[in-house]
Amino acid sequence: MYSCNVLDEQYAGAMAEHGFVPEPDNRRYGSMGLCWRQAGPGGSGYFWTYGQQDLYMLKIHDFYFHEDQLLEFCWPESLSVTWYESISGEEFSPCRRLVSGCVKSFIGGREPYRALIHRRVPIVSIGIEITPAYYQDYLRRQFSEEFQSLLESFQSLDQTDHFPEMVRLLKEVRDYRGEGLAAKLFYDGKVAEAVALVVERHRAHPAPRRTLTQEDERMLADVAAYITAHCADRLPLERLARIGCMGVSKLKDAFHARYGCTITQYIQGQRMERAEQLLANTDLPVGQIAQIVGYQNPSRFAQLFRRSTGQSPAAFRAFSHPREAE
């Protein structure tokens, strides 16, 4: 049983462009919703959607591309939250690494979304996307006095690797296999619960607001470029602060405001990017690659690599090399 909605119609073109075809009889995620299969030469896997009365959409990704894929599309006006069990790539404006294990929020209806998805790393995620009909009409009518905090709550979430309540909820959505009225009530409840978790998290941990000047932006770009060029080196905060012409405390706050991550996370992201390239394109031992990208302890490198991509270095290397049959 499947209920088409506005979001589904807007995504259908993008799905077809990347080789996905609908399979209404596919029940790998249950009888509710619609399963899409990657049938083209560009990749393999599945994408499941379930929409309810133009109010929300649930989405499960479980596929990969054979080659690096640049995605660019206009995200429809919406608010969403997604947990990535596995992914590797970069999103742009600003540029930052997409990492596994994180919970991300998206605000649709603004500038086009652009991301580079790395080849042969599975995109495994589960997300909930709500439409203006849900948060501007339904929620505004029900909770008019508190409605204004909703958009701010999603904006402040941004990206985090510590939101266990949301991860548990999204796993429950992924694993559910109910049917009919029971399934509709279950999904309705989980959507409302997810929105409540985002609002509650914002209330408990309000994000500080910082306005960056054009000079701040320029200096931060210099710091980011320096990190990219020297990510394997030891990078003391004091040195980066001098490059950015600001104090350490301001640098840390401003960098997070600009790039949505800490300086340490940014450095690790650059190191993992380089490690992926070496694992996919060379036969160097994993221990040697760890040293090249800045880690003297191979076990620590393997731990961080798995956290970043959802795979061990050995599994990533094995999966990144095309099979003879392909």
Protein backbone atom coordinates (compact mmCIF):
# COMPACT_ATOMS: atom_id res chain seq x y z
CA MET A 1 0.00 0.00 0.00
CA TYR A 2 1.49 3.32 -1.02
CA SER A 3 0.47 6.96 -0.59
CA CYS A 4 2.10 9.36 -3.06
CA ASN A 5 2.73 12.91 -1.90
CA VAL A 6 4.25 16.16 -3.12
CA LEU A 7 7.77 15.32 -1.93
CA ASP A 8 7.68 11.98 -3.74
CA GLU A 9 6.66 13.67 -6.99
CA GLN A 10 9.50 16.17 -6.67
CA TYR A 11 12.09 13.45 -6.04
CA ALA A 12 10.90 11.13 -8.83
CA GLY A 13 12.90 12.98 -11.49
CA ALA A 14 16.10 12.87 -9.48
CA MET A 15 15.60 9.16 -8.81
CA ALA A 16 15.15 8.39 -12.50
CA GLU A 17 18.19 10.51 -13.40
CA HIS A 18 20.40 8.33 -11.21
CA GLY A 19 19.07 5.02 -12.53
CA PHE A 20 16.40 4.17 -9.94
CA VAL A 21 13.18 2.50 -11.03
CA PRO A 22 10.10 1.94 -8.84
CA GLU A 23 9.28 -1.62 -7.78
CA PRO A 24 5.80 -1.52 -6.23
CA ASP A 25 5.87 -5.24 -5.42
CA ASN A 26 9.24 -5.15 -3.62
CA ARG A 27 8.64 -5.84 0.11
CA ARG A 28 12.20 -5.66 1.47
CA TYR A 29 11.09 -2.81 3.78
CA GLY A 30 7.53 -4.04 4.29
CA SER A 31 4.28 -3.64 2.41
CA MET A 32 3.89 0.07 3.10
CA GLY A 33 5.63 2.66 0.95
CA LEU A 34 7.42 2.31 -2.37
CA CYS A 35 10.78 0.65 -2.98
CA TRP A 36 13.08 1.91 -5.74
CA ARG A 37 15.91 -0.20 -7.17
CA GLN A 38 19.13 1.10 -8.69
CA ALA A 39 18.82 -0.55 -12.09
CA GLY A 40 21.28 1.50 -14.12
CA PRO A 41 25.00 0.90 -14.66
CA GLY A 42 25.95 3.60 -12.18
CA GLY A 43 25.41 1.70 -8.95
CA SER A 44 23.44 -0.86 -6.98
CA GLY A 45 20.97 -0.92 -4.11
CA TYR A 46 17.59 0.34 -2.96
CA PHE A 47 15.76 3.46 -1.85
CA TRP A 48 12.45 3.26 0.06
CA THR A 49 9.94 6.04 0.61
CA TYR A 50 6.67 6.35 2.46
CA GLY A 51 4.57 9.52 2.36
CA GLN A 52 1.39 10.46 4.14
CA GLN A 53 -1.11 13.05 2.82
CA ASP A 54 1.49 15.64 1.80
CA LEU A 55 2.55 15.95 5.44
CA TYR A 56 5.78 13.98 5.64
CA MET A 57 8.02 11.45 3.95
CA LEU A 58 10.10 8.63 5.43
CA LYS A 59 13.21 7.63 3.46
CA ILE A 60 15.62 4.71 3.67
CA HIS A 61 18.80 4.73 1.56
CA ASP A 62 20.78 1.54 1.01
CA PHE A 63 22.81 1.81 -2.20
CA TYR A 64 26.18 2.81 -3.61
CA PHE A 65 27.60 4.33 -6.79
CA HIS A 66 30.36 2.73 -8.86
CA GLU A 67 32.01 6.12 -9.44
CA ASP A 68 32.13 9.38 -7.51
CA GLN A 69 28.78 11.07 -7.98
CA LEU A 70 28.13 14.82 -7.84
CA LEU A 71 24.57 15.39 -6.69
CA GLU A 72 22.94 18.76 -7.26
CA PHE A 73 19.25 19.45 -6.88
CA CYS A 74 16.82 21.94 -5.43
CA TRP A 75 15.65 20.50 -2.14
CA PRO A 76 11.88 21.16 -1.80
CA GLU A 77 10.73 23.38 1.05
CA SER A 78 10.84 21.06 4.05
CA LEU A 79 12.52 20.23 7.34
CA SER A 80 14.27 16.90 7.74
CA VAL A 81 16.43 14.87 10.07
CA THR A 82 18.55 11.91 8.92
CA TRP A 83 20.87 9.40 10.55
CA TYR A 84 23.73 8.10 8.42
CA GLU A 85 24.89 4.61 9.31
CA SER A 86 27.32 4.63 6.37
CA ILE A 87 28.40 7.34 3.92
CA SER A 88 31.48 9.07 2.56
CA GLY A 89 31.69 12.32 0.66
CA GLU A 90 31.57 16.08 0.94
CA GLU A 91 28.76 18.58 0.88
CA PHE A 92 29.35 22.14 -0.27
CA SER A 93 28.48 25.69 0.75
CA PRO A 94 30.25 25.34 3.08
CA CYS A 95 32.44 22.37 2.21
CA ARG A 96 32.53 19.72 4.92
CA ARG A 97 32.83 15.97 5.06
CA LEU A 98 29.83 13.66 5.20
CA VAL A 99 30.57 11.06 7.86
CA SER A 100 28.87 7.93 9.12
CA GLY A 101 27.31 7.86 12.55
CA CYS A 102 26.04 11.43 12.40
CA VAL A 103 22.54 12.84 12.66
CA LYS A 104 21.94 15.75 10.28
CA SER A 105 19.16 18.23 9.79
CA PHE A 106 18.35 19.87 6.44
CA ILE A 107 16.35 22.99 5.70
CA GLY A 108 14.87 22.68 2.21
CA GLY A 109 13.65 25.40 -0.10
CA ARG A 110 16.82 27.48 -0.02
CA GLU A 111 19.85 27.32 -2.28
CA PRO A 112 20.43 24.15 -4.36
CA TYR A 113 21.96 21.29 -2.40
CA ARG A 114 25.32 20.04 -3.72
CA ALA A 115 27.31 17.05 -2.52
CA LEU A 116 29.99 14.72 -3.84
CA ILE A 117 29.32 11.09 -2.90
CA HIS A 118 32.36 8.84 -2.95
CA ARG A 119 32.32 5.73 -5.06
CA ARG A 120 31.61 2.26 -3.71
CA VAL A 121 30.91 3.37 -0.15
CA PRO A 122 27.33 2.37 0.74
CA ILE A 123 24.92 5.16 1.58
CA VAL A 124 22.91 3.64 4.41
CA SER A 125 20.57 6.08 6.13
CA ILE A 126 17.07 6.63 7.44
CA GLY A 127 15.39 10.03 7.45
CA ILE A 128 12.15 11.86 8.21
CA GLU A 129 11.16 14.87 6.12
CA ILE A 130 8.20 17.08 7.00
CA THR A 131 6.47 19.47 4.60
CA PRO A 132 5.12 23.00 5.13
CA ALA A 133 1.65 21.44 5.32
CA TYR A 134 2.85 19.67 8.47
CA TYR A 135 4.87 22.34 10.25
CA GLN A 136 3.25 25.55 9.00
CA ASP A 137 -0.37 24.43 8.90
CA TYR A 138 -0.91 21.49 11.23
CA LEU A 139 1.64 22.34 13.96
CA ARG A 140 0.94 26.08 13.84
CA ARG A 141 -2.75 25.40 14.47
CA GLN A 142 -2.01 23.03 17.31
CA PHE A 143 0.84 24.88 19.01
CA SER A 144 0.74 28.48 17.82
CA GLU A 145 2.54 29.91 20.85
CA GLU A 146 5.55 27.61 20.46
CA PHE A 147 5.65 27.20 16.70
CA GLN A 148 8.39 29.77 16.06
CA SER A 149 11.00 27.61 17.82
CA LEU A 150 10.60 24.73 15.34
CA LEU A 151 12.69 26.13 12.47
CA GLU A 152 15.31 27.36 14.91
CA SER A 153 15.42 23.89 16.48
CA PHE A 154 16.19 22.20 13.14
CA GLN A 155 18.78 24.86 12.28
CA SER A 156 20.58 24.42 15.58
CA LEU A 157 20.72 20.63 15.22
CA ASP A 158 22.73 20.90 11.97
CA GLN A 159 25.07 17.89 12.37
CA THR A 160 25.95 15.93 15.48
CA ASP A 161 27.47 12.57 16.34
CA HIS A 162 25.66 12.44 19.71
CA PHE A 163 21.89 12.18 19.44
CA PRO A 164 21.21 8.60 20.66
CA GLU A 165 17.48 9.18 21.16
CA MET A 166 17.05 10.10 17.50
CA VAL A 167 19.18 7.18 16.33
CA ARG A 168 17.02 4.75 18.33
CA LEU A 169 13.83 6.24 16.90
CA LEU A 170 15.04 6.07 13.30
CA LYS A 171 16.19 2.48 13.75
CA GLU A 172 12.67 1.62 14.96
CA VAL A 173 11.25 3.18 11.80
CA ARG A 174 13.71 1.23 9.65
CA ASP A 175 12.91 -2.10 11.30
CA TYR A 176 9.11 -1.75 11.45
CA ARG A 177 7.05 -4.03 9.21
CA GLY A 178 3.45 -3.28 10.15
CA GLU A 179 0.56 -2.86 7.73
CA GLY A 180 -2.61 -0.87 7.24
CA LEU A 181 -3.99 1.42 9.93
CA ALA A 182 -1.49 0.21 12.53
CA ALA A 183 1.41 1.19 10.28
CA LYS A 184 -0.08 4.62 9.52
CA LEU A 185 -0.53 5.32 13.23
CA PHE A 186 2.97 4.05 13.97
CA TYR A 187 4.60 6.26 11.33
CA ASP A 188 2.48 9.29 12.31
CA GLY A 189 3.58 8.84 15.90
CA LYS A 190 7.26 8.46 15.04
CA VAL A 191 7.23 11.62 12.93
CA ALA A 192 5.70 13.61 15.80
CA GLU A 193 8.17 12.04 18.24
CA ALA A 194 11.13 12.95 16.00
CA VAL A 195 10.02 16.58 15.82
CA ALA A 196 9.60 16.61 19.60
CA LEU A 197 13.13 15.26 20.07
CA VAL A 198 14.60 17.99 17.87
CA VAL A 199 12.70 20.71 19.76
CA GLU A 200 13.63 19.26 23.15
CA ARG A 201 17.29 19.01 22.20
CA HIS A 202 17.33 22.65 21.15
CA ARG A 203 15.79 23.71 24.44
CA ALA A 204 18.32 21.72 26.43
CA HIS A 205 21.31 22.74 24.27
CA PRO A 206 20.60 26.06 22.50
CA ALA A 207 23.17 26.79 19.83
CA PRO A 208 25.11 30.03 20.31
CA ARG A 209 24.63 32.60 17.58
CA ARG A 210 27.66 34.19 15.97
CA THR A 211 27.71 36.64 13.10
CA LEU A 212 30.81 36.38 10.92
CA THR A 213 32.22 39.40 9.14
CA GLN A 214 33.61 39.23 5.61
CA GLU A 215 37.10 39.49 7.11
CA ASP A 216 36.33 36.56 9.42
CA GLU A 217 35.15 34.52 6.42
CA ARG A 218 38.33 35.29 4.50
CA MET A 219 40.59 34.39 7.43
CA LEU A 220 38.69 31.18 8.12
CA ALA A 221 39.07 30.19 4.46
CA ASP A 222 42.84 30.62 4.89
CA VAL A 223 42.79 28.39 7.99
CA ALA A 224 40.74 25.71 6.22
CA ALA A 225 43.06 25.77 3.20
CA TYR A 226 46.11 25.46 5.45
CA ILE A 227 44.56 22.49 7.26
CA THR A 228 43.82 20.78 3.94
CA ALA A 229 47.39 21.23 2.77
CA HIS A 230 48.97 20.12 6.06
CA CYS A 231 46.35 17.77 7.55
CA ALA A 232 48.90 15.01 8.21
CA ASP A 233 51.05 17.34 10.32
CA ARG A 234 50.62 18.34 13.93
CA LEU A 235 48.47 21.48 13.85
CA PRO A 236 48.47 23.37 17.17
CA LEU A 237 45.52 25.69 17.66
CA GLU A 238 47.90 28.54 18.41
CA ARG A 239 49.43 28.26 14.93
CA LEU A 240 46.00 28.14 13.27
CA ALA A 241 44.89 31.14 15.33
CA ARG A 242 47.88 33.13 14.10
CA ILE A 243 47.05 32.19 10.50
CA GLY A 244 43.46 33.32 11.08
CA CYS A 245 44.54 36.52 12.86
CA MET A 246 42.27 35.83 15.82
CA GLY A 247 42.45 34.38 19.30
CA VAL A 248 42.14 30.66 19.91
CA SER A 249 38.72 30.96 21.55
CA LYS A 250 37.30 33.08 18.72
CA LEU A 251 38.83 30.77 16.12
CA LYS A 252 37.17 27.70 17.63
CA ASP A 253 33.74 29.37 17.80
CA ALA A 254 33.98 31.04 14.38
CA PHE A 255 35.27 27.90 12.66
CA HIS A 256 32.36 25.86 14.00
CA ALA A 257 29.90 28.55 12.95
CA ARG A 258 31.34 28.59 9.41
CA TYR A 259 31.98 24.88 8.77
CA GLY A 260 29.55 23.18 11.13
CA CYS A 261 32.23 21.09 12.86
CA THR A 262 35.13 21.49 15.25
CA ILE A 263 38.67 22.06 14.00
CA THR A 264 39.61 18.55 15.17
CA GLN A 265 36.71 17.05 13.21
CA TYR A 266 37.74 19.02 10.13
CA ILE A 267 41.33 17.79 10.38
CA GLN A 268 40.15 14.21 10.79
CA GLY A 269 37.85 14.60 7.80
CA GLN A 270 40.73 15.74 5.60
CA ARG A 271 42.85 12.84 6.81
CA MET A 272 40.10 10.31 6.09
CA GLU A 273 39.63 11.78 2.62
CA ARG A 274 43.30 11.22 1.87
CA ALA A 275 43.19 7.74 3.40
CA GLU A 276 40.26 6.75 1.17
CA GLN A 277 42.23 7.78 -1.90
CA LEU A 278 45.28 5.77 -0.84
CA LEU A 279 43.25 2.70 0.08
CA ALA A 280 41.37 2.76 -3.23
CA ASN A 281 44.27 3.60 -5.54
CA THR A 282 47.39 2.04 -4.02
CA ASP A 283 48.50 -1.26 -2.52
CA LEU A 284 50.23 0.38 0.45
CA PRO A 285 49.76 -1.44 3.77
CA VAL A 286 47.11 0.01 6.05
CA GLY A 287 49.73 0.79 8.72
CA GLN A 288 51.77 2.82 6.24
CA ILE A 289 48.69 4.70 5.07
CA ALA A 290 47.91 5.51 8.69
CA GLN A 291 51.33 7.12 9.06
CA ILE A 292 51.04 9.01 5.76
CA VAL A 293 47.80 10.67 6.82
CA GLY A 294 49.02 11.51 10.30
CA TYR A 295 48.43 8.57 12.66
CA GLN A 296 51.27 6.69 14.30
CA ASN A 297 48.88 4.13 15.81
CA PRO A 298 47.23 1.95 13.11
CA SER A 299 44.53 0.82 15.54
CA ARG A 300 43.53 4.40 16.27
CA PHE A 301 43.47 5.12 12.55
CA ALA A 302 41.26 2.07 11.89
CA GLN A 303 38.89 3.14 14.66
CA LEU A 304 38.53 6.67 13.26
CA PHE A 305 38.20 5.40 9.69
CA ARG A 306 35.35 3.08 10.65
CA ARG A 307 33.67 5.93 12.51
CA SER A 308 33.99 8.14 9.44
CA THR A 309 32.83 5.73 6.72
CA GLY A 310 31.08 2.91 8.54
CA GLN A 311 33.68 0.43 7.22
CA SER A 312 37.08 -0.84 8.31
CA PRO A 313 40.05 0.16 6.11
CA ALA A 314 40.35 -3.43 4.86
CA ALA A 315 36.63 -3.67 4.01
CA PHE A 316 36.75 -0.29 2.28
CA ARG A 317 39.72 -1.35 0.16
CA ALA A 318 38.08 -4.64 -0.83
CA PHE A 319 34.81 -2.94 -1.74
CA SER A 320 36.39 -0.01 -3.60
CA HIS A 321 38.04 -2.20 -6.25
CA PRO A 322 35.57 -3.17 -9.01
CA ARG A 323 35.02 -6.89 -9.38
CA GLU A 324 36.08 -8.58 -12.57
CA ALA A 325 32.46 -9.37 -13.37
CA GLU A 326 31.58 -5.71 -13.34
